[in-house]
Amino acid sequence: MTATFMRRPKFRNAQWVSFVGGKGIIRNYTSESGTWTYLIEMALGLEPDFGRVGAETMILLTEADLRTT
């Protein structure tokens, strides 16, 4: 049996991050295949005249794709 050591995540829940295409807040993260994957809720733009429809936009990104804001 071999022990596998996983490094700590670089980002934490509720932290604002930026990435190519926008910025958002980390809502959750998990370890997958030796790297951390983050669930990001993207920041909202201005509200349109007709209001918002549906849920916020959520995306999954790896740690390499994120930068602190």
PDB file of N, CA and C in Angstrom:
ATOM      1  N   MET A   1       0.848  -1.179   0.000  1.00  0.00           N
ATOM      2  CA  MET A   1       0.000   0.000   0.000  1.00  0.00           C
ATOM      3  C   MET A   1       0.894   1.243   0.000  1.00  0.00           C
ATOM      4  N   THR A   2       0.593   2.198  -0.845  1.00  0.00           N
ATOM      5  CA  THR A   2       1.365   3.429  -0.912  1.00  0.00           C
ATOM      6  C   THR A   2       0.493   4.599  -0.493  1.00  0.00           C
ATOM      7  N   ALA A   3       1.112   5.538   0.158  1.00  0.00           N
ATOM      8  CA  ALA A   3       0.403   6.744   0.591  1.00  0.00           C
ATOM      9  C   ALA A   3       0.534   7.811  -0.484  1.00  0.00           C
ATOM     10  N   THR A   4      -0.564   8.483  -0.753  1.00  0.00           N
ATOM     11  CA  THR A   4      -0.560   9.583  -1.711  1.00  0.00           C
ATOM     12  C   THR A   4      -0.830  10.876  -0.949  1.00  0.00           C
ATOM     13  N   PHE A   5       0.053  11.838  -1.121  1.00  0.00           N
ATOM     14  CA  PHE A   5      -0.104  13.112  -0.433  1.00  0.00           C
ATOM     15  C   PHE A   5      -0.666  14.149  -1.393  1.00  0.00           C
ATOM     16  N   MET A   6      -1.700  14.817  -0.968  1.00  0.00           N
ATOM     17  CA  MET A   6      -2.350  15.849  -1.782  1.00  0.00           C
ATOM     18  C   MET A   6      -2.028  17.200  -1.170  1.00  0.00           C
ATOM     19  N   ARG A   7      -1.577  18.117  -1.982  1.00  0.00           N
ATOM     20  CA  ARG A   7      -1.298  19.451  -1.452  1.00  0.00           C
ATOM     21  C   ARG A   7      -2.608  20.173  -1.149  1.00  0.00           C
ATOM     22  N   ARG A   8      -2.523  21.162  -0.302  1.00  0.00           N
ATOM     23  CA  ARG A   8      -3.704  21.921   0.099  1.00  0.00           C
ATOM     24  C   ARG A   8      -4.197  22.778  -1.055  1.00  0.00           C
ATOM     25  N   PRO A   9      -5.509  23.061  -1.077  1.00  0.00           N
ATOM     26  CA  PRO A   9      -6.035  23.913  -2.161  1.00  0.00           C
ATOM     27  C   PRO A   9      -5.486  25.337  -2.053  1.00  0.00           C
ATOM     28  N   LYS A  10      -5.272  25.952  -3.189  1.00  0.00           N
ATOM     29  CA  LYS A  10      -4.737  27.322  -3.241  1.00  0.00           C
ATOM     30  C   LYS A  10      -5.811  28.356  -2.903  1.00  0.00           C
ATOM     31  N   PHE A  11      -7.079  28.041  -3.192  1.00  0.00           N
ATOM     32  CA  PHE A  11      -8.192  28.956  -2.972  1.00  0.00           C
ATOM     33  C   PHE A  11      -9.173  28.348  -1.981  1.00  0.00           C
ATOM     34  N   ARG A  12     -10.064  29.154  -1.434  1.00  0.00           N
ATOM     35  CA  ARG A  12     -11.033  28.693  -0.438  1.00  0.00           C
ATOM     36  C   ARG A  12     -12.440  29.148  -0.822  1.00  0.00           C
ATOM     37  N   ASN A  13     -13.443  28.587  -0.152  1.00  0.00           N
ATOM     38  CA  ASN A  13     -14.835  28.977  -0.387  1.00  0.00           C
ATOM     39  C   ASN A  13     -15.036  30.463  -0.122  1.00  0.00           C
ATOM     40  N   ALA A  14     -15.904  31.073  -0.871  1.00  0.00           N
ATOM     41  CA  ALA A  14     -16.275  32.491  -0.755  1.00  0.00           C
ATOM     42  C   ALA A  14     -15.145  33.450  -1.143  1.00  0.00           C
ATOM     43  N   GLN A  15     -14.103  32.959  -1.794  1.00  0.00           N
ATOM     44  CA  GLN A  15     -13.008  33.822  -2.248  1.00  0.00           C
ATOM     45  C   GLN A  15     -13.269  34.259  -3.685  1.00  0.00           C
ATOM     46  N   TRP A  16     -13.052  35.549  -3.967  1.00  0.00           N
ATOM     47  CA  TRP A  16     -13.205  36.079  -5.325  1.00  0.00           C
ATOM     48  C   TRP A  16     -11.978  35.715  -6.138  1.00  0.00           C
ATOM     49  N   VAL A  17     -12.206  35.242  -7.350  1.00  0.00           N
ATOM     50  CA  VAL A  17     -11.130  34.877  -8.266  1.00  0.00           C
ATOM     51  C   VAL A  17     -11.438  35.422  -9.653  1.00  0.00           C
ATOM     52  N   SER A  18     -10.404  35.508 -10.480  1.00  0.00           N
ATOM     53  CA  SER A  18     -10.605  35.912 -11.870  1.00  0.00           C
ATOM     54  C   SER A  18     -10.060  34.809 -12.764  1.00  0.00           C
ATOM     55  N   PHE A  19     -10.505  34.811 -14.005  1.00  0.00           N
ATOM     56  CA  PHE A  19     -10.111  33.812 -14.993  1.00  0.00           C
ATOM     57  C   PHE A  19     -10.357  34.412 -16.362  1.00  0.00           C
ATOM     58  N   VAL A  20      -9.852  33.760 -17.393  1.00  0.00           N
ATOM     59  CA  VAL A  20     -10.070  34.248 -18.750  1.00  0.00           C
ATOM     60  C   VAL A  20     -11.578  34.244 -18.999  1.00  0.00           C
ATOM     61  N   GLY A  21     -12.139  35.394 -19.270  1.00  0.00           N
ATOM     62  CA  GLY A  21     -13.566  35.491 -19.536  1.00  0.00           C
ATOM     63  C   GLY A  21     -14.387  36.061 -18.407  1.00  0.00           C
ATOM     64  N   GLY A  22     -13.772  36.349 -17.270  1.00  0.00           N
ATOM     65  CA  GLY A  22     -14.580  36.946 -16.211  1.00  0.00           C
ATOM     66  C   GLY A  22     -13.999  36.791 -14.820  1.00  0.00           C
ATOM     67  N   LYS A  23     -14.891  36.925 -13.855  1.00  0.00           N
ATOM     68  CA  LYS A  23     -14.520  36.758 -12.450  1.00  0.00           C
ATOM     69  C   LYS A  23     -15.715  36.165 -11.725  1.00  0.00           C
ATOM     70  N   GLY A  24     -15.454  35.650 -10.543  1.00  0.00           N
ATOM     71  CA  GLY A  24     -16.531  35.032  -9.785  1.00  0.00           C
ATOM     72  C   GLY A  24     -16.084  34.668  -8.382  1.00  0.00           C
ATOM     73  N   ILE A  25     -16.951  33.964  -7.691  1.00  0.00           N
ATOM     74  CA  ILE A  25     -16.702  33.584  -6.307  1.00  0.00           C
ATOM     75  C   ILE A  25     -16.736  32.065  -6.201  1.00  0.00           C
ATOM     76  N   ILE A  26     -15.806  31.503  -5.439  1.00  0.00           N
ATOM     77  CA  ILE A  26     -15.733  30.054  -5.268  1.00  0.00           C
ATOM     78  C   ILE A  26     -16.858  29.602  -4.350  1.00  0.00           C
ATOM     79  N   ARG A  27     -17.640  28.632  -4.806  1.00  0.00           N
ATOM     80  CA  ARG A  27     -18.750  28.090  -4.025  1.00  0.00           C
ATOM     81  C   ARG A  27     -18.431  26.707  -3.465  1.00  0.00           C
ATOM     82  N   ASN A  28     -17.517  25.967  -4.121  1.00  0.00           N
ATOM     83  CA  ASN A  28     -17.158  24.628  -3.666  1.00  0.00           C
ATOM     84  C   ASN A  28     -15.891  24.203  -4.392  1.00  0.00           C
ATOM     85  N   TYR A  29     -15.174  23.231  -3.837  1.00  0.00           N
ATOM     86  CA  TYR A  29     -14.015  22.678  -4.527  1.00  0.00           C
ATOM     87  C   TYR A  29     -13.839  21.223  -4.125  1.00  0.00           C
ATOM     88  N   THR A  30     -13.176  20.467  -5.011  1.00  0.00           N
ATOM     89  CA  THR A  30     -12.950  19.044  -4.779  1.00  0.00           C
ATOM     90  C   THR A  30     -11.649  18.615  -5.448  1.00  0.00           C
ATOM     91  N   SER A  31     -11.085  17.542  -4.959  1.00  0.00           N
ATOM     92  CA  SER A  31      -9.859  16.991  -5.533  1.00  0.00           C
ATOM     93  C   SER A  31     -10.225  15.955  -6.584  1.00  0.00           C
ATOM     94  N   GLU A  32      -9.670  16.114  -7.789  1.00  0.00           N
ATOM     95  CA  GLU A  32      -9.904  15.170  -8.875  1.00  0.00           C
ATOM     96  C   GLU A  32      -8.604  14.923  -9.626  1.00  0.00           C
ATOM     97  N   SER A  33      -8.205  13.691  -9.716  1.00  0.00           N
ATOM     98  CA  SER A  33      -7.008  13.286 -10.485  1.00  0.00           C
ATOM     99  C   SER A  33      -5.762  14.073 -10.100  1.00  0.00           C
ATOM    100  N   GLY A  34      -5.569  14.294  -8.823  1.00  0.00           N
ATOM    101  CA  GLY A  34      -4.369  14.961  -8.347  1.00  0.00           C
ATOM    102  C   GLY A  34      -4.360  16.470  -8.456  1.00  0.00           C
ATOM    103  N   THR A  35      -5.477  17.072  -8.808  1.00  0.00           N
ATOM    104  CA  THR A  35      -5.569  18.526  -8.876  1.00  0.00           C
ATOM    105  C   THR A  35      -6.883  18.982  -8.259  1.00  0.00           C
ATOM    106  N   TRP A  36      -6.988  20.241  -7.948  1.00  0.00           N
ATOM    107  CA  TRP A  36      -8.211  20.785  -7.359  1.00  0.00           C
ATOM    108  C   TRP A  36      -9.099  21.364  -8.450  1.00  0.00           C
ATOM    109  N   THR A  37     -10.381  21.059  -8.384  1.00  0.00           N
ATOM    110  CA  THR A  37     -11.382  21.594  -9.300  1.00  0.00           C
ATOM    111  C   THR A  37     -12.343  22.453  -8.496  1.00  0.00           C
ATOM    112  N   TYR A  38     -12.646  23.653  -9.003  1.00  0.00           N
ATOM    113  CA  TYR A  38     -13.451  24.630  -8.275  1.00  0.00           C
ATOM    114  C   TYR A  38     -14.758  24.918  -8.988  1.00  0.00           C
ATOM    115  N   LEU A  39     -15.841  25.012  -8.227  1.00  0.00           N
ATOM    116  CA  LEU A  39     -17.136  25.435  -8.745  1.00  0.00           C
ATOM    117  C   LEU A  39     -17.221  26.938  -8.520  1.00  0.00           C
ATOM    118  N   ILE A  40     -17.312  27.697  -9.607  1.00  0.00           N
ATOM    119  CA  ILE A  40     -17.291  29.156  -9.554  1.00  0.00           C
ATOM    120  C   ILE A  40     -18.654  29.704  -9.958  1.00  0.00           C
ATOM    121  N   GLU A  41     -19.187  30.611  -9.147  1.00  0.00           N
ATOM    122  CA  GLU A  41     -20.399  31.356  -9.502  1.00  0.00           C
ATOM    123  C   GLU A  41     -19.934  32.662 -10.122  1.00  0.00           C
ATOM    124  N   MET A  42     -20.226  32.840 -11.393  1.00  0.00           N
ATOM    125  CA  MET A  42     -19.760  34.029 -12.099  1.00  0.00           C
ATOM    126  C   MET A  42     -20.465  35.282 -11.599  1.00  0.00           C
ATOM    127  N   ALA A  43     -19.732  36.387 -11.618  1.00  0.00           N
ATOM    128  CA  ALA A  43     -20.294  37.679 -11.216  1.00  0.00           C
ATOM    129  C   ALA A  43     -21.358  38.108 -12.221  1.00  0.00           C
ATOM    130  N   LEU A  44     -22.395  38.746 -11.723  1.00  0.00           N
ATOM    131  CA  LEU A  44     -23.482  39.204 -12.587  1.00  0.00           C
ATOM    132  C   LEU A  44     -23.168  40.580 -13.159  1.00  0.00           C
ATOM    133  N   GLY A  45     -23.596  40.786 -14.378  1.00  0.00           N
ATOM    134  CA  GLY A  45     -23.474  42.101 -14.997  1.00  0.00           C
ATOM    135  C   GLY A  45     -24.655  42.962 -14.589  1.00  0.00           C
ATOM    136  N   LEU A  46     -24.869  44.039 -15.304  1.00  0.00           N
ATOM    137  CA  LEU A  46     -26.015  44.896 -15.029  1.00  0.00           C
ATOM    138  C   LEU A  46     -27.308  44.144 -15.302  1.00  0.00           C
ATOM    139  N   GLU A  47     -28.318  44.405 -14.484  1.00  0.00           N
ATOM    140  CA  GLU A  47     -29.603  43.746 -14.681  1.00  0.00           C
ATOM    141  C   GLU A  47     -30.321  44.351 -15.876  1.00  0.00           C
ATOM    142  N   PRO A  48     -30.795  43.494 -16.788  1.00  0.00           N
ATOM    143  CA  PRO A  48     -31.505  44.010 -17.961  1.00  0.00           C
ATOM    144  C   PRO A  48     -32.865  44.593 -17.571  1.00  0.00           C
ATOM    145  N   ASP A  49     -33.457  45.387 -18.479  1.00  0.00           N
ATOM    146  CA  ASP A  49     -34.746  46.033 -18.218  1.00  0.00           C
ATOM    147  C   ASP A  49     -35.851  45.034 -17.896  1.00  0.00           C
ATOM    148  N   PHE A  50     -35.787  43.857 -18.494  1.00  0.00           N
ATOM    149  CA  PHE A  50     -36.846  42.863 -18.300  1.00  0.00           C
ATOM    150  C   PHE A  50     -36.603  41.957 -17.091  1.00  0.00           C
ATOM    151  N   GLY A  51     -35.543  42.193 -16.322  1.00  0.00           N
ATOM    152  CA  GLY A  51     -35.254  41.400 -15.120  1.00  0.00           C
ATOM    153  C   GLY A  51     -34.426  40.168 -15.432  1.00  0.00           C
ATOM    154  N   ARG A  52     -34.108  39.418 -14.419  1.00  0.00           N
ATOM    155  CA  ARG A  52     -33.315  38.201 -14.567  1.00  0.00           C
ATOM    156  C   ARG A  52     -34.231  36.985 -14.669  1.00  0.00           C
ATOM    157  N   VAL A  53     -33.793  36.015 -15.455  1.00  0.00           N
ATOM    158  CA  VAL A  53     -34.539  34.775 -15.618  1.00  0.00           C
ATOM    159  C   VAL A  53     -33.597  33.613 -15.314  1.00  0.00           C
ATOM    160  N   GLY A  54     -33.966  32.733 -14.420  1.00  0.00           N
ATOM    161  CA  GLY A  54     -33.172  31.545 -14.138  1.00  0.00           C
ATOM    162  C   GLY A  54     -32.088  31.764 -13.102  1.00  0.00           C
ATOM    163  N   ALA A  55     -31.287  30.717 -12.926  1.00  0.00           N
ATOM    164  CA  ALA A  55     -30.232  30.713 -11.909  1.00  0.00           C
ATOM    165  C   ALA A  55     -28.977  31.431 -12.408  1.00  0.00           C
ATOM    166  N   GLU A  56     -28.053  31.654 -11.488  1.00  0.00           N
ATOM    167  CA  GLU A  56     -26.776  32.276 -11.823  1.00  0.00           C
ATOM    168  C   GLU A  56     -25.944  31.302 -12.659  1.00  0.00           C
ATOM    169  N   THR A  57     -24.935  31.799 -13.346  1.00  0.00           N
ATOM    170  CA  THR A  57     -24.073  30.955 -14.154  1.00  0.00           C
ATOM    171  C   THR A  57     -22.975  30.361 -13.282  1.00  0.00           C
ATOM    172  N   MET A  58     -22.846  29.026 -13.309  1.00  0.00           N
ATOM    173  CA  MET A  58     -21.830  28.318 -12.540  1.00  0.00           C
ATOM    174  C   MET A  58     -20.927  27.575 -13.527  1.00  0.00           C
ATOM    175  N   ILE A  59     -19.610  27.581 -13.267  1.00  0.00           N
ATOM    176  CA  ILE A  59     -18.666  26.867 -14.119  1.00  0.00           C
ATOM    177  C   ILE A  59     -17.676  26.097 -13.260  1.00  0.00           C
ATOM    178  N   LEU A  60     -17.089  25.055 -13.817  1.00  0.00           N
ATOM    179  CA  LEU A  60     -16.032  24.288 -13.169  1.00  0.00           C
ATOM    180  C   LEU A  60     -14.702  24.636 -13.814  1.00  0.00           C
ATOM    181  N   LEU A  61     -13.726  25.005 -12.988  1.00  0.00           N
ATOM    182  CA  LEU A  61     -12.390  25.328 -13.492  1.00  0.00           C
ATOM    183  C   LEU A  61     -11.340  24.675 -12.610  1.00  0.00           C
ATOM    184  N   THR A  62     -10.185  24.387 -13.200  1.00  0.00           N
ATOM    185  CA  THR A  62      -9.077  23.841 -12.418  1.00  0.00           C
ATOM    186  C   THR A  62      -8.305  24.981 -11.764  1.00  0.00           C
ATOM    187  N   GLU A  63      -7.482  24.618 -10.812  1.00  0.00           N
ATOM    188  CA  GLU A  63      -6.696  25.615 -10.079  1.00  0.00           C
ATOM    189  C   GLU A  63      -5.781  26.419 -11.001  1.00  0.00           C
ATOM    190  N   ALA A  64      -5.266  25.784 -12.042  1.00  0.00           N
ATOM    191  CA  ALA A  64      -4.365  26.468 -12.979  1.00  0.00           C
ATOM    192  C   ALA A  64      -5.065  27.586 -13.754  1.00  0.00           C
ATOM    193  N   ASP A  65      -6.380  27.531 -13.862  1.00  0.00           N
ATOM    194  CA  ASP A  65      -7.141  28.526 -14.618  1.00  0.00           C
ATOM    195  C   ASP A  65      -7.509  29.769 -13.810  1.00  0.00           C
ATOM    196  N   LEU A  66      -7.230  29.761 -12.501  1.00  0.00           N
ATOM    197  CA  LEU A  66      -7.709  30.832 -11.612  1.00  0.00           C
ATOM    198  C   LEU A  66      -6.593  31.738 -11.132  1.00  0.00           C
ATOM    199  N   ARG A  67      -6.959  32.981 -10.862  1.00  0.00           N
ATOM    200  CA  ARG A  67      -6.068  33.992 -10.264  1.00  0.00           C
ATOM    201  C   ARG A  67      -6.841  34.713  -9.160  1.00  0.00           C
ATOM    202  N   THR A  68      -6.159  35.190  -8.136  1.00  0.00           N
ATOM    203  CA  THR A  68      -6.830  35.954  -7.093  1.00  0.00           C
ATOM    204  C   THR A  68      -7.162  37.346  -7.623  1.00  0.00           C
ATOM    205  N   THR A  69      -8.221  37.956  -7.101  1.00  0.00           N
ATOM    206  CA  THR A  69      -8.580  39.308  -7.539  1.00  0.00           C
ATOM    207  C   THR A  69      -8.144  40.319  -6.514  1.00  0.00           C
TER     208      THR A  69
END
